[in-house]
Amino acid sequence: MKRILFLTLTLALVLSACVQPTPTPVDGGTGCDADSLTKPLIDSPSNVLVDTNTPTLSWAYPGGCQPEYFRVEVLDYSGSMLYDQDLPGSQLSWATTTPLQPSAIYQWRVAAVQGTTPGPYSHWVTFWVGPLCDPAAWTAPQLISPEQGEVVTTASPELHWQYDTGTCLMPASRFEVSELPDFSALALHGQGGGPEPWFTTGLSYLQDCKTYYWRAAPWQDGQVGPFADPVQFTTQFGASCAAPTEEVGECPLKPFPGQPRLLGVSCRSETKLTLSFEFDAPVSGNYLATVNNEPYTCEVLPKFPNRLYCSGPGKQNTKLAIKLIDADANKVIYCKSESAPICQPTAVPQSGCIIRTQQYCRDLLKDPAAEFDLKNCKCIIVN
């Protein structure tokens, strides 16, 4: 049974023992027509932590009549029915009689019934029986779905995770979904709300034929606990993924005004490369590059405000699939394949030396004969 939750999120994991319903007699009220029954309105508890394991459930009935009786259903976290209770139509609250399990999540709803005909149920609401975990007891959750390598066929999949602790509930959680493995630009994120370990929304937050990563962690009042290791999944909404289009943001890109140019790829070391991009105007905002899906960090040098230098891991003498991403717009603005240079340092750099690229030195010294001197760890002009 799916439950639609607010965009605020939630979290926790806990199983509770089955509680046997306690029979309650019903009265003979006949004030409502069976075909005019309406949804009761939940009063409490609703999305709150209760301080007792025998909470009182209360509701209101807006139907303008008194039904023969009300039917209350209570589920535990696993979806097992704990109570399926019939109560007199004059009764708008009910105190649970058998104690509920601590450190557990419960859901309940209620419907008016006339004769043998139940009316529409209220929506499911959640409450939690504590205690809550202190930050010192926070642990990374296990990510349930989407699972590693899963092909997701909807633009708004449910996120589901769980915690291994059974003695307390995580107060809330934070979740993140991104196209980037370092989560520097997010397709979806949220936190707070309570201990439920899932998130569902009707909003479409994924694109077709993309690779995504997601993760979750304990959260409370701005404090984030340890994240689970990211899980990678892909999307495919149709029978297959079509070839890339030539729209902005896809590969290959159709030229557009202001598109950056790749000046070159140079060696930072034997295992690291630097990409040099040039823009028509001074660079502003946040950018991230990827090379063969490996993230590169980018920086702007004060002396060259129109240029962006992005560095990261790379293998020499290989084919490079290069992307430059506008992280603020979450859009690819450059996409092209290039050959990697052959990186052969002629000297061992000093300890603590920050290796600069040939292009960096040429820009810094404004001389096409500039190179980086590994031995002395500085840019020089080669005569």
Protein backbone atom coordinates (compact mmCIF):
# COMPACT_ATOMS: atom_id res chain seq x y z
CA MET A 1 0.00 0.00 0.00
CA LYS A 2 1.56 3.29 -1.11
CA ARG A 3 1.39 6.37 1.08
CA ILE A 4 1.82 9.81 -0.47
CA LEU A 5 4.01 11.89 1.85
CA PHE A 6 4.73 15.62 1.84
CA LEU A 7 7.97 16.84 0.18
CA THR A 8 9.51 17.24 3.62
CA LEU A 9 10.44 13.54 3.86
CA THR A 10 10.87 11.08 6.79
CA LEU A 11 12.60 8.01 8.15
CA ALA A 12 13.16 4.95 10.42
CA LEU A 13 12.96 1.23 10.58
CA VAL A 14 11.25 -0.95 13.11
CA LEU A 15 8.91 -3.90 13.25
CA SER A 16 6.27 -4.30 15.89
CA ALA A 17 4.49 -7.35 17.29
CA CYS A 18 0.88 -8.05 16.34
CA VAL A 19 -1.75 -6.64 18.72
CA GLN A 20 -5.08 -8.45 18.85
CA PRO A 21 -8.17 -6.23 18.35
CA THR A 22 -10.38 -5.67 21.37
CA PRO A 23 -14.12 -6.04 20.49
CA THR A 24 -16.26 -2.97 21.13
CA PRO A 25 -20.07 -3.05 20.76
CA VAL A 26 -21.76 -0.69 18.28
CA ASP A 27 -25.02 1.19 18.71
CA GLY A 28 -28.05 1.15 16.43
CA GLY A 29 -27.73 4.63 14.92
CA THR A 30 -29.50 5.01 11.57
CA GLY A 31 -29.06 8.74 10.94
CA CYS A 32 -27.02 8.46 7.69
CA ASP A 33 -27.91 7.11 4.27
CA ALA A 34 -25.37 4.54 3.10
CA ASP A 35 -24.89 6.32 -0.24
CA SER A 36 -24.19 9.71 1.38
CA LEU A 37 -21.37 8.74 3.76
CA THR A 38 -18.34 11.04 3.64
CA LYS A 39 -14.70 10.86 4.74
CA PRO A 40 -14.05 11.45 8.45
CA LEU A 41 -11.42 14.07 9.29
CA ILE A 42 -8.41 12.89 11.30
CA ASP A 43 -7.74 14.93 14.44
CA SER A 44 -4.88 13.23 16.28
CA PRO A 45 -2.35 11.74 16.38
CA SER A 46 -1.18 12.86 12.93
CA ASN A 47 2.50 12.95 11.94
CA VAL A 48 3.63 13.34 15.55
CA LEU A 49 5.62 11.50 18.20
CA VAL A 50 3.30 10.25 20.95
CA ASP A 51 4.41 10.01 24.58
CA THR A 52 2.43 6.87 25.35
CA ASN A 53 2.15 3.38 23.89
CA THR A 54 -1.65 3.44 24.40
CA PRO A 55 -2.53 6.60 22.43
CA THR A 56 -6.07 7.91 21.97
CA LEU A 57 -7.16 8.24 18.34
CA SER A 58 -9.66 11.02 17.58
CA TRP A 59 -11.49 12.29 14.51
CA ALA A 60 -14.44 14.43 13.35
CA TYR A 61 -17.32 13.58 11.03
CA PRO A 62 -18.48 16.36 8.66
CA GLY A 63 -21.38 14.42 7.15
CA GLY A 64 -24.16 16.20 9.06
CA CYS A 65 -25.56 12.92 10.36
CA GLN A 66 -24.62 10.12 12.74
CA PRO A 67 -23.49 6.90 11.05
CA GLU A 68 -24.27 3.53 12.58
CA TYR A 69 -20.63 3.10 13.56
CA PHE A 70 -17.02 3.98 12.71
CA ARG A 71 -14.36 1.52 11.60
CA VAL A 72 -10.77 2.25 12.70
CA GLU A 73 -7.77 0.52 11.13
CA VAL A 74 -4.22 0.64 12.53
CA LEU A 75 -1.18 -0.75 10.68
CA ASP A 76 2.38 -1.27 11.82
CA TYR A 77 5.44 -0.30 9.75
CA SER A 78 5.45 -3.60 7.84
CA GLY A 79 1.82 -3.06 6.75
CA SER A 80 0.34 -5.69 9.08
CA MET A 81 -3.13 -4.92 10.46
CA LEU A 82 -3.05 -4.42 14.23
CA TYR A 83 -6.58 -3.13 14.77
CA ASP A 84 -9.75 -3.35 12.67
CA GLN A 85 -12.11 -1.87 15.23
CA ASP A 86 -15.85 -1.02 14.99
CA LEU A 87 -17.00 1.78 17.31
CA PRO A 88 -20.39 3.41 18.01
CA GLY A 89 -21.38 6.19 15.61
CA SER A 90 -21.67 8.60 18.53
CA GLN A 91 -18.03 8.00 19.45
CA LEU A 92 -15.35 10.27 17.89
CA SER A 93 -12.32 8.95 19.77
CA TRP A 94 -10.90 5.63 20.86
CA ALA A 95 -8.16 4.77 23.36
CA THR A 96 -6.08 1.81 22.19
CA THR A 97 -6.18 -0.88 24.84
CA THR A 98 -3.24 -3.17 24.15
CA PRO A 99 0.12 -1.35 24.39
CA LEU A 100 1.89 -0.67 21.09
CA GLN A 101 5.54 -1.52 20.62
CA PRO A 102 8.13 1.20 21.39
CA SER A 103 10.49 2.57 18.74
CA ALA A 104 7.91 1.94 16.04
CA ILE A 105 5.98 3.65 13.25
CA TYR A 106 2.22 3.27 12.90
CA GLN A 107 -0.48 4.42 10.46
CA TRP A 108 -4.21 4.70 10.95
CA ARG A 109 -7.41 5.72 9.21
CA VAL A 110 -11.16 5.70 9.87
CA ALA A 111 -14.38 5.33 7.87
CA ALA A 112 -18.09 5.78 8.65
CA VAL A 113 -20.21 2.65 8.17
CA GLN A 114 -23.96 2.29 7.69
CA GLY A 115 -25.31 -1.26 7.83
CA THR A 116 -22.84 -3.34 5.83
CA THR A 117 -21.74 -0.39 3.68
CA PRO A 118 -18.51 1.45 4.60
CA GLY A 119 -18.06 4.97 3.35
CA PRO A 120 -14.80 6.41 2.04
CA TYR A 121 -11.86 6.15 4.39
CA SER A 122 -9.92 9.13 5.62
CA HIS A 123 -6.37 9.40 4.32
CA TRP A 124 -3.71 7.39 6.11
CA VAL A 125 -1.84 9.35 8.79
CA THR A 126 1.30 8.37 10.65
CA PHE A 127 2.42 8.57 14.25
CA TRP A 128 5.49 7.31 16.05
CA VAL A 129 6.13 5.73 19.42
CA GLY A 130 9.62 6.73 20.68
CA PRO A 131 12.20 7.04 21.95
CA LEU A 132 14.15 8.99 19.31
CA CYS A 133 17.86 8.32 18.79
CA ASP A 134 20.39 10.80 20.13
CA PRO A 135 22.91 12.09 17.52
CA ALA A 136 25.61 9.87 19.05
CA ALA A 137 23.55 6.82 18.01
CA TRP A 138 22.93 7.95 14.41
CA THR A 139 24.01 5.47 11.77
CA ALA A 140 23.92 5.45 7.97
CA PRO A 141 20.79 3.77 6.58
CA GLN A 142 20.54 0.89 4.16
CA LEU A 143 19.16 2.05 0.78
CA ILE A 144 16.32 -0.24 -0.32
CA SER A 145 14.95 1.24 -3.54
CA PRO A 146 15.91 2.15 -6.13
CA GLU A 147 18.63 -0.45 -5.71
CA GLN A 148 22.10 -0.49 -7.23
CA GLY A 149 21.94 -0.81 -11.04
CA GLU A 150 18.14 -0.71 -11.17
CA VAL A 151 16.41 0.56 -14.32
CA VAL A 152 13.66 2.91 -13.14
CA THR A 153 10.62 3.24 -15.42
CA THR A 154 8.91 6.25 -13.82
CA ALA A 155 9.90 9.90 -13.46
CA SER A 156 8.90 9.94 -9.77
CA PRO A 157 10.03 6.69 -8.11
CA GLU A 158 9.56 6.13 -4.39
CA LEU A 159 12.74 6.36 -2.34
CA HIS A 160 12.89 3.79 0.46
CA TRP A 161 15.57 3.14 3.05
CA GLN A 162 15.84 1.64 6.54
CA TYR A 163 17.95 1.80 9.70
CA ASP A 164 19.33 -1.19 11.56
CA THR A 165 18.76 0.20 15.07
CA GLY A 166 15.78 -1.30 16.88
CA THR A 167 16.03 0.49 20.23
CA CYS A 168 15.22 4.01 19.00
CA LEU A 169 13.93 5.90 15.96
CA MET A 170 15.95 8.28 13.83
CA PRO A 171 14.22 11.65 14.31
CA ALA A 172 14.20 12.43 10.56
CA SER A 173 16.33 12.08 7.45
CA ARG A 174 17.79 13.92 4.50
CA PHE A 175 17.77 12.43 1.01
CA GLU A 176 19.47 13.59 -2.19
CA VAL A 177 19.19 12.58 -5.87
CA SER A 178 21.74 13.81 -8.43
CA GLU A 179 23.10 13.14 -11.90
CA LEU A 180 26.56 13.73 -10.45
CA PRO A 181 28.34 11.22 -8.21
CA ASP A 182 29.61 14.01 -5.93
CA PHE A 183 26.06 15.43 -5.47
CA SER A 184 27.28 18.94 -6.30
CA ALA A 185 24.06 19.58 -8.26
CA LEU A 186 20.81 18.02 -7.06
CA ALA A 187 17.76 16.87 -9.01
CA LEU A 188 15.82 16.36 -5.77
CA HIS A 189 16.48 16.77 -2.06
CA GLY A 190 14.52 17.07 1.17
CA GLN A 191 14.72 16.59 4.92
CA GLY A 192 12.66 16.59 8.09
CA GLY A 193 9.10 15.50 8.66
CA GLY A 194 9.59 12.49 10.90
CA PRO A 195 11.04 8.99 11.13
CA GLU A 196 9.31 7.30 8.15
CA PRO A 197 11.96 5.68 5.92
CA TRP A 198 10.49 6.56 2.53
CA PHE A 199 9.64 9.46 0.26
CA THR A 200 6.94 9.56 -2.40
CA THR A 201 5.79 12.41 -4.60
CA GLY A 202 3.59 12.80 -7.65
CA LEU A 203 6.01 15.36 -9.11
CA SER A 204 8.32 14.24 -11.92
CA TYR A 205 11.91 14.84 -10.85
CA LEU A 206 13.85 12.51 -13.17
CA GLN A 207 14.56 12.69 -16.91
CA ASP A 208 14.42 9.78 -19.32
CA CYS A 209 17.53 7.81 -20.25
CA LYS A 210 19.77 9.29 -17.56
CA THR A 211 22.10 7.95 -14.88
CA TYR A 212 21.35 9.09 -11.32
CA TYR A 213 22.76 8.63 -7.83
CA TRP A 214 20.87 8.82 -4.53
CA ARG A 215 21.69 8.66 -0.83
CA ALA A 216 20.13 9.32 2.59
CA ALA A 217 21.32 10.16 6.11
CA PRO A 218 19.88 10.92 9.56
CA TRP A 219 18.90 14.58 9.98
CA GLN A 220 17.52 16.88 12.68
CA ASP A 221 17.43 20.67 12.98
CA GLY A 222 20.10 21.19 10.33
CA GLN A 223 22.45 18.51 11.67
CA VAL A 224 23.22 15.73 9.17
CA GLY A 225 24.45 12.28 10.20
CA PRO A 226 26.47 9.78 8.15
CA PHE A 227 25.25 9.27 4.58
CA ALA A 228 24.78 5.82 3.12
CA ASP A 229 27.09 4.91 0.24
CA PRO A 230 25.46 6.29 -2.95
CA VAL A 231 23.39 3.97 -5.12
CA GLN A 232 23.48 4.37 -8.91
CA PHE A 233 20.44 3.75 -11.11
CA THR A 234 19.28 4.62 -14.63
CA THR A 235 15.97 5.70 -16.13
CA GLN A 236 14.14 4.26 -19.14
CA PHE A 237 10.49 5.31 -19.44
CA GLY A 238 9.84 3.77 -22.87
CA ALA A 239 10.80 0.61 -24.73
CA SER A 240 14.33 1.88 -25.30
CA CYS A 241 16.50 4.95 -24.97
CA ALA A 242 16.67 6.97 -28.16
CA ALA A 243 19.89 8.38 -29.59
CA PRO A 244 20.89 11.74 -28.09
CA THR A 245 19.23 14.78 -29.63
CA GLU A 246 20.96 18.00 -30.63
CA GLU A 247 19.17 20.14 -28.08
CA VAL A 248 21.09 22.25 -25.57
CA GLY A 249 21.93 20.07 -22.58
CA GLU A 250 22.37 16.86 -24.62
CA CYS A 251 25.31 15.40 -26.52
CA PRO A 252 26.23 16.35 -29.18
CA LEU A 253 25.28 19.97 -28.58
CA LYS A 254 23.83 22.32 -31.11
CA PRO A 255 25.84 25.59 -30.97
CA PHE A 256 24.17 28.34 -28.97
CA PRO A 257 25.10 31.96 -28.12
CA GLY A 258 27.67 32.24 -25.35
CA GLN A 259 28.70 28.58 -25.54
CA PRO A 260 32.17 28.09 -23.99
CA ARG A 261 35.11 26.87 -26.09
CA LEU A 262 37.62 24.22 -25.08
CA LEU A 263 41.10 25.73 -25.38
CA GLY A 264 42.83 22.45 -24.69
CA VAL A 265 43.59 19.47 -22.46
CA SER A 266 46.91 19.43 -20.65
CA CYS A 267 48.75 17.36 -18.06
CA ARG A 268 48.64 18.21 -14.38
CA SER A 269 50.56 15.03 -13.59
CA GLU A 270 50.85 11.55 -15.05
CA THR A 271 47.38 10.68 -13.73
CA LYS A 272 45.66 14.08 -13.66
CA LEU A 273 44.48 16.36 -16.45
CA THR A 274 43.31 19.96 -16.71
CA LEU A 275 40.70 21.28 -19.13
CA SER A 276 40.84 24.96 -20.17
CA PHE A 277 37.57 26.60 -21.27
CA GLU A 278 37.05 30.13 -22.55
CA PHE A 279 33.78 32.11 -22.27
CA ASP A 280 32.66 35.23 -24.16
CA ALA A 281 32.14 37.08 -20.86
CA PRO A 282 33.57 36.83 -17.33
CA VAL A 283 32.69 33.49 -15.76
CA SER A 284 30.04 33.62 -13.03
CA GLY A 285 28.11 30.92 -11.19
CA ASN A 286 29.08 27.32 -10.44
CA TYR A 287 30.40 24.78 -12.92
CA LEU A 288 31.47 21.14 -12.88
CA ALA A 289 33.23 19.19 -15.60
CA THR A 290 33.28 15.44 -16.12
CA VAL A 291 35.72 13.37 -18.16
CA ASN A 292 34.58 9.82 -18.87
CA ASN A 293 32.03 10.35 -16.04
CA GLU A 294 34.77 11.29 -13.53
CA PRO A 295 34.02 14.63 -11.80
CA TYR A 296 36.47 17.53 -12.25
CA THR A 297 36.62 20.60 -10.00
CA CYS A 298 36.71 24.00 -11.71
CA GLU A 299 38.25 27.36 -10.81
CA VAL A 300 38.58 30.84 -12.30
CA LEU A 301 41.92 32.67 -12.08
CA PRO A 302 41.56 36.37 -11.17
CA LYS A 303 43.86 37.41 -14.04
CA PHE A 304 41.73 35.56 -16.59
CA PRO A 305 38.06 36.06 -15.64
CA ASN A 306 36.82 34.68 -18.98
CA ARG A 307 38.53 31.31 -18.51
CA LEU A 308 37.64 28.26 -16.49
CA TYR A 309 40.21 25.62 -15.47
CA CYS A 310 38.87 22.19 -14.47
CA SER A 311 41.12 19.46 -13.06
CA GLY A 312 40.65 15.81 -12.21
CA PRO A 313 41.78 12.22 -12.85
CA GLY A 314 42.58 11.13 -16.40
CA LYS A 315 44.61 8.58 -18.31
CA GLN A 316 47.11 9.77 -20.86
CA ASN A 317 46.85 8.85 -24.54
CA THR A 318 43.18 7.82 -24.30
CA LYS A 319 39.87 9.10 -25.72
CA LEU A 320 38.14 11.58 -23.41
CA ALA A 321 34.38 12.19 -23.25
CA ILE A 322 34.29 15.76 -21.91
CA LYS A 323 31.26 17.54 -20.46
CA LEU A 324 30.99 20.96 -18.85
CA ILE A 325 27.94 21.40 -16.64
CA ASP A 326 26.28 24.61 -15.45
CA ALA A 327 25.66 23.41 -11.89
CA ASP A 328 23.20 26.22 -11.11
CA ALA A 329 20.97 25.30 -14.08
CA ASN A 330 21.89 21.58 -13.91
CA LYS A 331 22.51 21.67 -17.68
CA VAL A 332 25.31 20.42 -19.93
CA ILE A 333 26.77 23.38 -21.86
CA TYR A 334 29.72 21.66 -23.53
CA CYS A 335 29.99 18.06 -24.72
CA LYS A 336 32.67 16.68 -27.00
CA SER A 337 35.26 13.90 -27.31
CA GLU A 338 38.97 14.72 -27.34
CA SER A 339 42.23 12.78 -27.28
CA ALA A 340 44.20 12.93 -24.08
CA PRO A 341 47.78 14.22 -24.20
CA ILE A 342 50.76 12.05 -23.36
CA CYS A 343 51.86 13.05 -19.86
CA GLN A 344 55.56 12.48 -19.23
CA PRO A 345 56.99 14.54 -16.35
CA THR A 346 60.69 15.25 -16.77
CA ALA A 347 61.31 15.74 -13.07
CA VAL A 348 59.93 14.79 -9.69
CA PRO A 349 58.04 17.76 -8.13
CA GLN A 350 58.90 19.15 -4.73
CA SER A 351 56.88 17.99 -1.73
CA GLY A 352 53.73 20.09 -1.51
CA CYS A 353 54.14 21.45 -5.05
CA ILE A 354 50.89 22.29 -6.84
CA ILE A 355 51.49 21.21 -10.44
CA ARG A 356 50.24 23.71 -13.00
CA THR A 357 49.38 23.02 -16.63
CA GLN A 358 51.16 24.37 -19.67
CA GLN A 359 48.06 26.38 -20.56
CA TYR A 360 47.92 27.80 -17.02
CA CYS A 361 51.53 28.99 -17.28
CA ARG A 362 50.98 30.48 -20.74
CA ASP A 363 47.96 32.38 -19.43
CA LEU A 364 49.78 33.45 -16.28
CA LEU A 365 52.92 34.70 -18.03
CA LYS A 366 51.12 35.74 -21.22
CA ASP A 367 53.75 34.00 -23.32
CA PRO A 368 53.20 31.01 -25.66
CA ALA A 369 56.67 29.70 -24.71
CA ALA A 370 55.75 29.29 -21.04
CA GLU A 371 56.04 25.88 -19.37
CA PHE A 372 55.77 24.52 -15.83
CA ASP A 373 59.12 23.78 -14.18
CA LEU A 374 58.46 20.68 -12.03
CA LYS A 375 61.88 20.77 -10.38
CA ASN A 376 61.46 24.33 -9.09
CA CYS A 377 57.65 24.24 -8.92
CA LYS A 378 56.98 27.41 -10.92
CA CYS A 379 56.01 28.69 -14.35
CA ILE A 380 58.93 29.71 -16.58
CA ILE A 381 59.47 30.97 -20.13
CA VAL A 382 61.50 28.53 -22.18
CA ASN A 383 64.05 30.32 -24.38
